[in-house]
C-alpha atoms as a PDB file:
ATOM      1  CA  UNK A   1     117.915 -33.040 -74.246  1.00  0.00           C
ATOM      2  CA  UNK A   2     119.544 -31.229 -71.333  1.00  0.00           C
ATOM      3  CA  UNK A   3     122.439 -30.212 -73.581  1.00  0.00           C
ATOM      4  CA  UNK A   4     119.970 -28.576 -75.955  1.00  0.00           C
ATOM      5  CA  UNK A   5     118.409 -26.649 -73.060  1.00  0.00           C
ATOM      6  CA  UNK A   6     121.845 -25.526 -71.841  1.00  0.00           C
ATOM      7  CA  UNK A   7     122.648 -24.238 -75.348  1.00  0.00           C
ATOM      8  CA  UNK A   8     125.612 -26.572 -75.818  1.00  0.00           C
ATOM      9  CA  UNK A   9     123.878 -27.577 -79.031  1.00  0.00           C
ATOM     10  CA  UNK A  10     121.459 -25.884 -81.407  1.00  0.00           C
ATOM     11  CA  UNK A  11     119.062 -27.067 -84.058  1.00  0.00           C
ATOM     12  CA  UNK A  12     119.538 -25.798 -87.616  1.00  0.00           C
ATOM     13  CA  UNK A  13     116.592 -23.414 -87.195  1.00  0.00           C
ATOM     14  CA  UNK A  14     118.014 -22.052 -83.935  1.00  0.00           C
ATOM     15  CA  UNK A  15     121.485 -21.625 -85.465  1.00  0.00           C
ATOM     16  CA  UNK A  16     119.929 -19.780 -88.395  1.00  0.00           C
ATOM     17  CA  UNK A  17     118.081 -17.469 -86.012  1.00  0.00           C
ATOM     18  CA  UNK A  18     121.177 -16.824 -83.907  1.00  0.00           C
ATOM     19  CA  UNK A  19     123.282 -16.055 -86.991  1.00  0.00           C
ATOM     20  CA  UNK A  20     120.470 -14.179 -88.768  1.00  0.00           C
ATOM     21  CA  UNK A  21     120.707 -16.355 -91.884  1.00  0.00           C
ATOM     22  CA  UNK A  22     118.527 -18.934 -93.610  1.00  0.00           C
ATOM     23  CA  UNK A  23     118.422 -22.610 -92.700  1.00  0.00           C
ATOM     24  CA  UNK A  24     120.009 -23.294 -96.090  1.00  0.00           C
ATOM     25  CA  UNK A  25     122.977 -21.082 -95.197  1.00  0.00           C
ATOM     26  CA  UNK A  26     123.524 -23.142 -92.039  1.00  0.00           C
ATOM     27  CA  UNK A  27     123.446 -26.368 -94.088  1.00  0.00           C
ATOM     28  CA  UNK A  28     126.028 -24.816 -96.419  1.00  0.00           C
ATOM     29  CA  UNK A  29     128.205 -23.898 -93.429  1.00  0.00           C
ATOM     30  CA  UNK A  30     127.928 -27.454 -92.072  1.00  0.00           C
ATOM     31  CA  UNK A  31     129.115 -28.786 -95.422  1.00  0.00           C
ATOM     32  CA  UNK A  32     131.957 -26.269 -95.683  1.00  0.00           C
ATOM     33  CA  UNK A  33     133.128 -26.855 -92.117  1.00  0.00           C
ATOM     34  CA  UNK A  34     133.158 -30.602 -92.730  1.00  0.00           C
ATOM     35  CA  UNK A  35     135.150 -30.183 -95.949  1.00  0.00           C
ATOM     36  CA  UNK A  36     137.804 -28.112 -94.144  1.00  0.00           C
ATOM     37  CA  UNK A  37     137.875 -30.746 -91.379  1.00  0.00           C
ATOM     38  CA  UNK A  38     136.461 -28.447 -88.718  1.00  0.00           C
ATOM     39  CA  UNK A  39     132.964 -29.911 -88.293  1.00  0.00           C
ATOM     40  CA  UNK A  40     130.429 -27.791 -86.463  1.00  0.00           C
ATOM     41  CA  UNK A  41     127.603 -30.347 -86.366  1.00  0.00           C
ATOM     42  CA  UNK A  42     126.724 -34.013 -86.038  1.00  0.00           C
ATOM     43  CA  UNK A  43     123.871 -35.799 -87.715  1.00  0.00           C
ATOM     44  CA  UNK A  44     121.771 -37.827 -85.282  1.00  0.00           C
ATOM     45  CA  UNK A  45     118.738 -39.730 -86.527  1.00  0.00           C
ATOM     46  CA  UNK A  46     118.546 -37.592 -89.686  1.00  0.00           C
ATOM     47  CA  UNK A  47     118.715 -34.350 -87.681  1.00  0.00           C
ATOM     48  CA  UNK A  48     121.703 -32.019 -87.561  1.00  0.00           C
ATOM     49  CA  UNK A  49     122.788 -31.046 -84.052  1.00  0.00           C
ATOM     50  CA  UNK A  50     125.099 -28.028 -84.121  1.00  0.00           C
ATOM     51  CA  UNK A  51     127.782 -27.475 -81.489  1.00  0.00           C
ATOM     52  CA  UNK A  52     127.238 -23.915 -80.311  1.00  0.00           C
ATOM     53  CA  UNK A  53     130.880 -23.141 -79.498  1.00  0.00           C
ATOM     54  CA  UNK A  54     132.065 -24.549 -82.830  1.00  0.00           C
ATOM     55  CA  UNK A  55     129.402 -22.573 -84.691  1.00  0.00           C
ATOM     56  CA  UNK A  56     130.455 -19.333 -83.011  1.00  0.00           C
ATOM     57  CA  UNK A  57     134.122 -20.009 -83.789  1.00  0.00           C
ATOM     58  CA  UNK A  58     133.186 -20.773 -87.409  1.00  0.00           C
ATOM     59  CA  UNK A  59     131.204 -17.543 -87.696  1.00  0.00           C
ATOM     60  CA  UNK A  60     134.133 -15.576 -86.328  1.00  0.00           C
ATOM     61  CA  UNK A  61     136.702 -17.185 -88.614  1.00  0.00           C
ATOM     62  CA  UNK A  62     134.703 -17.595 -91.846  1.00  0.00           C
ATOM     63  CA  UNK A  63     131.570 -15.420 -91.702  1.00  0.00           C
ATOM     64  CA  UNK A  64     132.296 -11.889 -90.547  1.00  0.00           C
ATOM     65  CA  UNK A  65     134.906 -11.808 -87.823  1.00  0.00           C
ATOM     66  CA  UNK A  66     134.542 -11.006 -84.163  1.00  0.00           C
ATOM     67  CA  UNK A  67     131.699  -8.530 -84.728  1.00  0.00           C
ATOM     68  CA  UNK A  68     129.587 -11.278 -86.356  1.00  0.00           C
ATOM     69  CA  UNK A  69     130.365 -13.591 -83.442  1.00  0.00           C
ATOM     70  CA  UNK A  70     129.389 -10.929 -80.898  1.00  0.00           C
ATOM     71  CA  UNK A  71     126.071 -10.371 -82.717  1.00  0.00           C
ATOM     72  CA  UNK A  72     125.397 -14.129 -82.772  1.00  0.00           C
ATOM     73  CA  UNK A  73     126.225 -14.447 -79.072  1.00  0.00           C
ATOM     74  CA  UNK A  74     123.919 -11.537 -78.309  1.00  0.00           C
ATOM     75  CA  UNK A  75     121.059 -13.122 -80.261  1.00  0.00           C
ATOM     76  CA  UNK A  76     121.699 -16.428 -78.484  1.00  0.00           C
ATOM     77  CA  UNK A  77     121.389 -14.671 -75.105  1.00  0.00           C
ATOM     78  CA  UNK A  78     118.193 -13.009 -76.352  1.00  0.00           C
ATOM     79  CA  UNK A  79     116.553 -16.230 -77.546  1.00  0.00           C
ATOM     80  CA  UNK A  80     117.931 -18.675 -74.971  1.00  0.00           C
ATOM     81  CA  UNK A  81     115.322 -17.895 -72.282  1.00  0.00           C
ATOM     82  CA  UNK A  82     112.541 -18.488 -74.804  1.00  0.00           C
ATOM     83  CA  UNK A  83     114.022 -21.710 -76.171  1.00  0.00           C
ATOM     84  CA  UNK A  84     114.879 -23.105 -72.741  1.00  0.00           C
ATOM     85  CA  UNK A  85     111.316 -22.898 -71.440  1.00  0.00           C
ATOM     86  CA  UNK A  86     109.603 -26.278 -71.142  1.00  0.00           C
ATOM     87  CA  UNK A  87     107.669 -27.024 -74.306  1.00  0.00           C
ATOM     88  CA  UNK A  88     104.319 -28.762 -74.452  1.00  0.00           C
ATOM     89  CA  UNK A  89     104.430 -31.873 -76.568  1.00  0.00           C
ATOM     90  CA  UNK A  90     101.012 -31.176 -78.015  1.00  0.00           C
ATOM     91  CA  UNK A  91     100.076 -27.503 -77.485  1.00  0.00           C
ATOM     92  CA  UNK A  92      96.577 -27.897 -78.930  1.00  0.00           C
ATOM     93  CA  UNK A  93      95.643 -30.651 -76.446  1.00  0.00           C
ATOM     94  CA  UNK A  94      93.759 -28.142 -74.274  1.00  0.00           C
ATOM     95  CA  UNK A  95      91.231 -27.857 -77.071  1.00  0.00           C
ATOM     96  CA  UNK A  96      90.612 -31.609 -76.886  1.00  0.00           C
ATOM     97  CA  UNK A  97      90.470 -32.003 -73.097  1.00  0.00           C
ATOM     98  CA  UNK A  98      87.004 -32.437 -71.547  1.00  0.00           C
ATOM     99  CA  UNK A  99      85.822 -29.417 -69.534  1.00  0.00           C
END
């Protein structure tokens, strides 16, 4: 979990946000990267965990060059503070707590 907070890894949804593409595009990239023997993600308990550094290298090499990588890195810096904040496990619990 700490690695996710430190942005060493991203979820598919986060990677899609960072790269400004759909979740499906990220799944396609995972498949392509695996086929060329440069995997960018690992599947753990039916969830893809994407290696941030590998994703950025993939974007640079196969999806738009250094300018695309710079944009993705910029978006990661923009979203990282939001994503790294502690999350409530059940945000609507306040509605159910006795007053």
